[in-house]
């Protein structure tokens, strides 16, 4: 048994039962966080071939998405080494074969990749500047044309997300609100169509 182990969380989703081991000091170790729960239930299927779970924690978002779409390659990243250790453990525990978990500060270790779908439960306490760069602008650059970035934030950040997107000409839509959280979908335009219009 891992010395950091706290408990196992059982999470039923879409006719599947997921099991997640959690460590004592990780985020939301009592149960799946409300933000994560509302986000995973809000995402509409778009058959992505490549998925990034940014700030994956012990892995629920990335693991559920990987299970639901066996054709997709899922990369899960977190700056916390303990979180990455538990995400790897939970990938194996849930018999997921199309996901990996790696340590990365923001998208630093995946800057050479692009994704059809990115998901994140954005941490509220890192400050507006860090959220803007590490959790909005940098991930947006890694989206493929027509790619989607689904995020959930605590209500206190509702002032920030639309503002940052509007300032940077990023298309954002509020999808759902529940119990102090809001889900947004950011969509990257199809560049080819846009370029043809310019021609």
C-alpha atoms as a PDB file:
ATOM      1  CA  UNK A   1       0.000   0.000   0.000  1.00  0.00           C
ATOM      2  CA  UNK A   2       1.255   3.461  -0.925  1.00  0.00           C
ATOM      3  CA  UNK A   3       2.218   5.525   2.159  1.00  0.00           C
ATOM      4  CA  UNK A   4       0.124   8.482   0.899  1.00  0.00           C
ATOM      5  CA  UNK A   5      -3.026   6.431   0.250  1.00  0.00           C
ATOM      6  CA  UNK A   6      -6.192   7.808   1.847  1.00  0.00           C
ATOM      7  CA  UNK A   7      -9.189   6.000   0.340  1.00  0.00           C
ATOM      8  CA  UNK A   8     -10.890   4.671  -2.757  1.00  0.00           C
ATOM      9  CA  UNK A   9     -13.647   6.717  -4.403  1.00  0.00           C
ATOM     10  CA  UNK A  10     -16.374   4.904  -6.355  1.00  0.00           C
ATOM     11  CA  UNK A  11     -17.866   7.006  -9.168  1.00  0.00           C
ATOM     12  CA  UNK A  12     -20.661   5.680 -11.406  1.00  0.00           C
ATOM     13  CA  UNK A  13     -20.794   7.358 -14.806  1.00  0.00           C
ATOM     14  CA  UNK A  14     -22.649   6.399 -17.988  1.00  0.00           C
ATOM     15  CA  UNK A  15     -23.268   2.744 -17.013  1.00  0.00           C
ATOM     16  CA  UNK A  16     -19.649   2.307 -15.898  1.00  0.00           C
ATOM     17  CA  UNK A  17     -18.281   2.143 -12.353  1.00  0.00           C
ATOM     18  CA  UNK A  18     -14.980   3.970 -11.969  1.00  0.00           C
ATOM     19  CA  UNK A  19     -12.692   3.491  -8.973  1.00  0.00           C
ATOM     20  CA  UNK A  20     -10.117   6.072  -7.971  1.00  0.00           C
ATOM     21  CA  UNK A  21      -7.452   5.754  -5.300  1.00  0.00           C
ATOM     22  CA  UNK A  22      -6.745   9.132  -3.724  1.00  0.00           C
ATOM     23  CA  UNK A  23      -3.853  10.382  -1.620  1.00  0.00           C
ATOM     24  CA  UNK A  24      -4.070  12.312   1.630  1.00  0.00           C
ATOM     25  CA  UNK A  25      -2.928  15.724   0.348  1.00  0.00           C
ATOM     26  CA  UNK A  26      -4.445  15.819  -3.131  1.00  0.00           C
ATOM     27  CA  UNK A  27      -7.329  18.035  -4.278  1.00  0.00           C
ATOM     28  CA  UNK A  28     -10.834  16.776  -3.471  1.00  0.00           C
ATOM     29  CA  UNK A  29     -10.072  13.534  -1.652  1.00  0.00           C
ATOM     30  CA  UNK A  30     -13.466  13.212   0.040  1.00  0.00           C
ATOM     31  CA  UNK A  31     -15.331  12.625  -3.214  1.00  0.00           C
ATOM     32  CA  UNK A  32     -15.188  13.650  -6.882  1.00  0.00           C
ATOM     33  CA  UNK A  33     -15.138  17.456  -6.833  1.00  0.00           C
ATOM     34  CA  UNK A  34     -18.445  19.173  -7.790  1.00  0.00           C
ATOM     35  CA  UNK A  35     -16.654  21.064 -10.561  1.00  0.00           C
ATOM     36  CA  UNK A  36     -15.232  17.875 -12.063  1.00  0.00           C
ATOM     37  CA  UNK A  37     -18.637  16.196 -11.807  1.00  0.00           C
ATOM     38  CA  UNK A  38     -20.515  19.012 -13.545  1.00  0.00           C
ATOM     39  CA  UNK A  39     -17.813  19.264 -16.244  1.00  0.00           C
ATOM     40  CA  UNK A  40     -17.722  15.564 -17.165  1.00  0.00           C
ATOM     41  CA  UNK A  41     -21.519  15.474 -17.338  1.00  0.00           C
ATOM     42  CA  UNK A  42     -21.645  18.613 -19.526  1.00  0.00           C
ATOM     43  CA  UNK A  43     -19.133  17.626 -22.217  1.00  0.00           C
ATOM     44  CA  UNK A  44     -20.885  16.621 -25.438  1.00  0.00           C
ATOM     45  CA  UNK A  45     -19.205  13.924 -27.533  1.00  0.00           C
ATOM     46  CA  UNK A  46     -17.235  15.192 -30.525  1.00  0.00           C
ATOM     47  CA  UNK A  47     -15.165  12.042 -31.286  1.00  0.00           C
ATOM     48  CA  UNK A  48     -11.793  13.624 -30.547  1.00  0.00           C
ATOM     49  CA  UNK A  49      -8.684  11.707 -31.600  1.00  0.00           C
ATOM     50  CA  UNK A  50      -6.451  13.501 -29.090  1.00  0.00           C
ATOM     51  CA  UNK A  51      -7.370  14.708 -25.591  1.00  0.00           C
ATOM     52  CA  UNK A  52      -5.469  16.683 -22.963  1.00  0.00           C
ATOM     53  CA  UNK A  53      -6.533  16.714 -19.305  1.00  0.00           C
ATOM     54  CA  UNK A  54      -4.793  19.801 -17.901  1.00  0.00           C
ATOM     55  CA  UNK A  55      -4.265  19.714 -14.133  1.00  0.00           C
ATOM     56  CA  UNK A  56      -5.512  16.140 -14.000  1.00  0.00           C
ATOM     57  CA  UNK A  57      -5.157  15.538 -10.248  1.00  0.00           C
ATOM     58  CA  UNK A  58      -5.687  11.833  -9.550  1.00  0.00           C
ATOM     59  CA  UNK A  59      -7.208  11.476 -13.013  1.00  0.00           C
ATOM     60  CA  UNK A  60     -11.022  11.272 -13.101  1.00  0.00           C
ATOM     61  CA  UNK A  61     -11.628  13.497 -16.159  1.00  0.00           C
ATOM     62  CA  UNK A  62      -8.962  11.987 -18.392  1.00  0.00           C
ATOM     63  CA  UNK A  63      -9.746   8.413 -17.351  1.00  0.00           C
ATOM     64  CA  UNK A  64     -13.495   8.740 -17.960  1.00  0.00           C
ATOM     65  CA  UNK A  65     -12.903  10.393 -21.349  1.00  0.00           C
ATOM     66  CA  UNK A  66     -10.386   7.683 -22.295  1.00  0.00           C
ATOM     67  CA  UNK A  67     -12.829   4.919 -21.337  1.00  0.00           C
ATOM     68  CA  UNK A  68     -15.688   6.566 -23.259  1.00  0.00           C
ATOM     69  CA  UNK A  69     -13.630   7.002 -26.418  1.00  0.00           C
ATOM     70  CA  UNK A  70     -11.255   4.097 -26.940  1.00  0.00           C
ATOM     71  CA  UNK A  71     -10.000   5.574 -30.253  1.00  0.00           C
ATOM     72  CA  UNK A  72      -8.678   8.726 -28.568  1.00  0.00           C
ATOM     73  CA  UNK A  73      -5.162   9.187 -27.239  1.00  0.00           C
ATOM     74  CA  UNK A  74      -5.376  10.880 -23.840  1.00  0.00           C
ATOM     75  CA  UNK A  75      -2.559  12.799 -22.174  1.00  0.00           C
ATOM     76  CA  UNK A  76      -3.043  13.781 -18.542  1.00  0.00           C
ATOM     77  CA  UNK A  77      -0.749  16.373 -16.962  1.00  0.00           C
ATOM     78  CA  UNK A  78      -0.304  17.842 -13.491  1.00  0.00           C
ATOM     79  CA  UNK A  79       2.454  19.814 -11.780  1.00  0.00           C
ATOM     80  CA  UNK A  80       2.063  17.729  -8.597  1.00  0.00           C
ATOM     81  CA  UNK A  81       4.190  14.564  -8.733  1.00  0.00           C
ATOM     82  CA  UNK A  82       1.947  12.818  -6.220  1.00  0.00           C
ATOM     83  CA  UNK A  83      -1.093  13.576  -8.386  1.00  0.00           C
ATOM     84  CA  UNK A  84       0.706  12.112 -11.415  1.00  0.00           C
ATOM     85  CA  UNK A  85       1.616   9.003  -9.414  1.00  0.00           C
ATOM     86  CA  UNK A  86      -2.041   8.490  -8.468  1.00  0.00           C
ATOM     87  CA  UNK A  87      -3.287   9.287 -11.977  1.00  0.00           C
ATOM     88  CA  UNK A  88      -0.971   6.524 -13.294  1.00  0.00           C
ATOM     89  CA  UNK A  89      -2.230   4.155 -10.610  1.00  0.00           C
ATOM     90  CA  UNK A  90      -5.863   4.952 -11.496  1.00  0.00           C
ATOM     91  CA  UNK A  91      -5.230   4.499 -15.225  1.00  0.00           C
ATOM     92  CA  UNK A  92      -4.110   0.937 -14.424  1.00  0.00           C
ATOM     93  CA  UNK A  93      -6.864   0.403 -11.836  1.00  0.00           C
ATOM     94  CA  UNK A  94      -9.573   1.244 -14.387  1.00  0.00           C
ATOM     95  CA  UNK A  95      -7.854  -0.839 -17.121  1.00  0.00           C
ATOM     96  CA  UNK A  96      -7.340   2.148 -19.396  1.00  0.00           C
ATOM     97  CA  UNK A  97      -4.930   1.476 -22.266  1.00  0.00           C
ATOM     98  CA  UNK A  98      -5.175   4.749 -24.219  1.00  0.00           C
ATOM     99  CA  UNK A  99      -4.051   7.284 -21.576  1.00  0.00           C
ATOM    100  CA  UNK A 100      -0.783   8.394 -20.027  1.00  0.00           C
ATOM    101  CA  UNK A 101      -0.071  10.728 -17.097  1.00  0.00           C
ATOM    102  CA  UNK A 102       3.003  12.965 -17.016  1.00  0.00           C
ATOM    103  CA  UNK A 103       4.355  15.723 -14.821  1.00  0.00           C
ATOM    104  CA  UNK A 104       4.083  19.162 -16.412  1.00  0.00           C
ATOM    105  CA  UNK A 105       3.838  22.745 -15.220  1.00  0.00           C
ATOM    106  CA  UNK A 106       0.906  23.915 -17.299  1.00  0.00           C
ATOM    107  CA  UNK A 107       1.343  22.653 -20.866  1.00  0.00           C
ATOM    108  CA  UNK A 108       5.152  22.906 -20.764  1.00  0.00           C
ATOM    109  CA  UNK A 109       5.819  19.205 -21.442  1.00  0.00           C
ATOM    110  CA  UNK A 110       3.225  18.891 -24.232  1.00  0.00           C
ATOM    111  CA  UNK A 111       3.970  22.071 -26.198  1.00  0.00           C
ATOM    112  CA  UNK A 112       4.971  20.004 -29.246  1.00  0.00           C
ATOM    113  CA  UNK A 113       1.522  18.341 -29.423  1.00  0.00           C
ATOM    114  CA  UNK A 114      -1.923  19.516 -30.526  1.00  0.00           C
ATOM    115  CA  UNK A 115      -5.317  18.283 -29.353  1.00  0.00           C
ATOM    116  CA  UNK A 116      -8.913  17.983 -30.536  1.00  0.00           C
ATOM    117  CA  UNK A 117     -10.212  18.278 -26.978  1.00  0.00           C
ATOM    118  CA  UNK A 118      -8.725  19.838 -23.853  1.00  0.00           C
ATOM    119  CA  UNK A 119     -10.429  19.729 -20.451  1.00  0.00           C
ATOM    120  CA  UNK A 120      -9.578  21.416 -17.177  1.00  0.00           C
ATOM    121  CA  UNK A 121     -11.014  22.077 -13.739  1.00  0.00           C
ATOM    122  CA  UNK A 122      -9.167  25.375 -13.368  1.00  0.00           C
ATOM    123  CA  UNK A 123      -7.567  25.969  -9.940  1.00  0.00           C
ATOM    124  CA  UNK A 124      -8.951  29.194  -8.490  1.00  0.00           C
ATOM    125  CA  UNK A 125      -6.146  30.084  -6.110  1.00  0.00           C
ATOM    126  CA  UNK A 126      -3.228  30.530  -8.519  1.00  0.00           C
ATOM    127  CA  UNK A 127      -4.173  34.111  -9.446  1.00  0.00           C
ATOM    128  CA  UNK A 128      -5.593  35.835 -12.531  1.00  0.00           C
ATOM    129  CA  UNK A 129      -2.301  36.110 -14.430  1.00  0.00           C
ATOM    130  CA  UNK A 130      -1.420  32.432 -14.026  1.00  0.00           C
ATOM    131  CA  UNK A 131      -4.959  31.374 -14.979  1.00  0.00           C
ATOM    132  CA  UNK A 132      -4.891  33.627 -18.053  1.00  0.00           C
ATOM    133  CA  UNK A 133      -1.548  32.331 -19.349  1.00  0.00           C
ATOM    134  CA  UNK A 134      -1.330  28.732 -18.106  1.00  0.00           C
ATOM    135  CA  UNK A 135      -4.994  27.742 -18.282  1.00  0.00           C
ATOM    136  CA  UNK A 136      -6.469  29.818 -21.127  1.00  0.00           C
ATOM    137  CA  UNK A 137      -3.991  31.245 -23.647  1.00  0.00           C
ATOM    138  CA  UNK A 138      -1.322  28.501 -23.639  1.00  0.00           C
ATOM    139  CA  UNK A 139      -3.793  25.564 -23.913  1.00  0.00           C
ATOM    140  CA  UNK A 140      -5.780  27.423 -26.597  1.00  0.00           C
ATOM    141  CA  UNK A 141      -2.646  27.498 -28.784  1.00  0.00           C
ATOM    142  CA  UNK A 142      -2.525  23.681 -28.656  1.00  0.00           C
ATOM    143  CA  UNK A 143      -6.068  23.199 -29.979  1.00  0.00           C
ATOM    144  CA  UNK A 144      -6.452  21.846 -33.492  1.00  0.00           C
ATOM    145  CA  UNK A 145      -8.797  23.715 -35.869  1.00  0.00           C
ATOM    146  CA  UNK A 146     -12.376  23.031 -34.705  1.00  0.00           C
ATOM    147  CA  UNK A 147     -10.902  21.842 -31.393  1.00  0.00           C
ATOM    148  CA  UNK A 148     -12.768  22.402 -28.135  1.00  0.00           C
ATOM    149  CA  UNK A 149     -11.535  23.387 -24.693  1.00  0.00           C
ATOM    150  CA  UNK A 150     -14.017  22.602 -21.921  1.00  0.00           C
ATOM    151  CA  UNK A 151     -13.353  24.204 -18.567  1.00  0.00           C
ATOM    152  CA  UNK A 152     -15.069  24.483 -15.218  1.00  0.00           C
ATOM    153  CA  UNK A 153     -14.422  27.304 -12.764  1.00  0.00           C
ATOM    154  CA  UNK A 154     -15.721  28.400  -9.397  1.00  0.00           C
ATOM    155  CA  UNK A 155     -18.217  31.245  -9.703  1.00  0.00           C
ATOM    156  CA  UNK A 156     -15.652  33.792  -8.476  1.00  0.00           C
ATOM    157  CA  UNK A 157     -13.836  33.361 -11.818  1.00  0.00           C
ATOM    158  CA  UNK A 158     -16.905  34.135 -13.959  1.00  0.00           C
ATOM    159  CA  UNK A 159     -15.660  37.726 -14.216  1.00  0.00           C
ATOM    160  CA  UNK A 160     -12.313  36.566 -15.637  1.00  0.00           C
ATOM    161  CA  UNK A 161     -13.019  33.900 -18.264  1.00  0.00           C
ATOM    162  CA  UNK A 162     -15.242  35.902 -20.689  1.00  0.00           C
ATOM    163  CA  UNK A 163     -13.020  38.972 -20.239  1.00  0.00           C
ATOM    164  CA  UNK A 164      -9.797  37.133 -21.155  1.00  0.00           C
ATOM    165  CA  UNK A 165     -11.475  35.398 -24.102  1.00  0.00           C
ATOM    166  CA  UNK A 166     -12.981  38.624 -25.462  1.00  0.00           C
ATOM    167  CA  UNK A 167      -9.671  40.477 -25.174  1.00  0.00           C
ATOM    168  CA  UNK A 168      -7.919  37.711 -27.126  1.00  0.00           C
ATOM    169  CA  UNK A 169     -10.636  37.148 -29.734  1.00  0.00           C
ATOM    170  CA  UNK A 170     -11.376  33.647 -28.406  1.00  0.00           C
ATOM    171  CA  UNK A 171     -14.876  32.247 -28.908  1.00  0.00           C
ATOM    172  CA  UNK A 172     -16.335  31.189 -25.551  1.00  0.00           C
ATOM    173  CA  UNK A 173     -19.797  29.969 -24.546  1.00  0.00           C
ATOM    174  CA  UNK A 174     -21.259  29.463 -21.088  1.00  0.00           C
ATOM    175  CA  UNK A 175     -22.704  25.943 -21.007  1.00  0.00           C
ATOM    176  CA  UNK A 176     -23.943  25.238 -17.499  1.00  0.00           C
ATOM    177  CA  UNK A 177     -24.052  26.546 -13.923  1.00  0.00           C
ATOM    178  CA  UNK A 178     -24.443  24.453 -10.793  1.00  0.00           C
ATOM    179  CA  UNK A 179     -23.668  24.858  -7.094  1.00  0.00           C
ATOM    180  CA  UNK A 180     -21.060  27.576  -7.387  1.00  0.00           C
ATOM    181  CA  UNK A 181     -19.434  26.300 -10.595  1.00  0.00           C
ATOM    182  CA  UNK A 182     -19.717  27.300 -14.255  1.00  0.00           C
ATOM    183  CA  UNK A 183     -18.784  25.255 -17.317  1.00  0.00           C
ATOM    184  CA  UNK A 184     -17.502  27.072 -20.410  1.00  0.00           C
ATOM    185  CA  UNK A 185     -16.728  25.764 -23.887  1.00  0.00           C
ATOM    186  CA  UNK A 186     -13.985  27.465 -25.887  1.00  0.00           C
ATOM    187  CA  UNK A 187     -13.987  26.625 -29.592  1.00  0.00           C
ATOM    188  CA  UNK A 188     -11.156  27.156 -32.044  1.00  0.00           C
ATOM    189  CA  UNK A 189     -12.327  28.118 -35.525  1.00  0.00           C
ATOM    190  CA  UNK A 190     -11.596  26.026 -38.589  1.00  0.00           C
ATOM    191  CA  UNK A 191      -8.541  27.920 -39.867  1.00  0.00           C
ATOM    192  CA  UNK A 192      -8.851  26.566 -43.415  1.00  0.00           C
ATOM    193  CA  UNK A 193     -12.343  27.966 -43.865  1.00  0.00           C
ATOM    194  CA  UNK A 194     -11.244  31.271 -42.392  1.00  0.00           C
ATOM    195  CA  UNK A 195      -8.222  31.476 -44.710  1.00  0.00           C
ATOM    196  CA  UNK A 196     -10.377  30.701 -47.756  1.00  0.00           C
ATOM    197  CA  UNK A 197     -12.692  33.558 -46.824  1.00  0.00           C
ATOM    198  CA  UNK A 198      -9.682  35.917 -46.708  1.00  0.00           C
ATOM    199  CA  UNK A 199      -8.490  34.760 -50.150  1.00  0.00           C
END
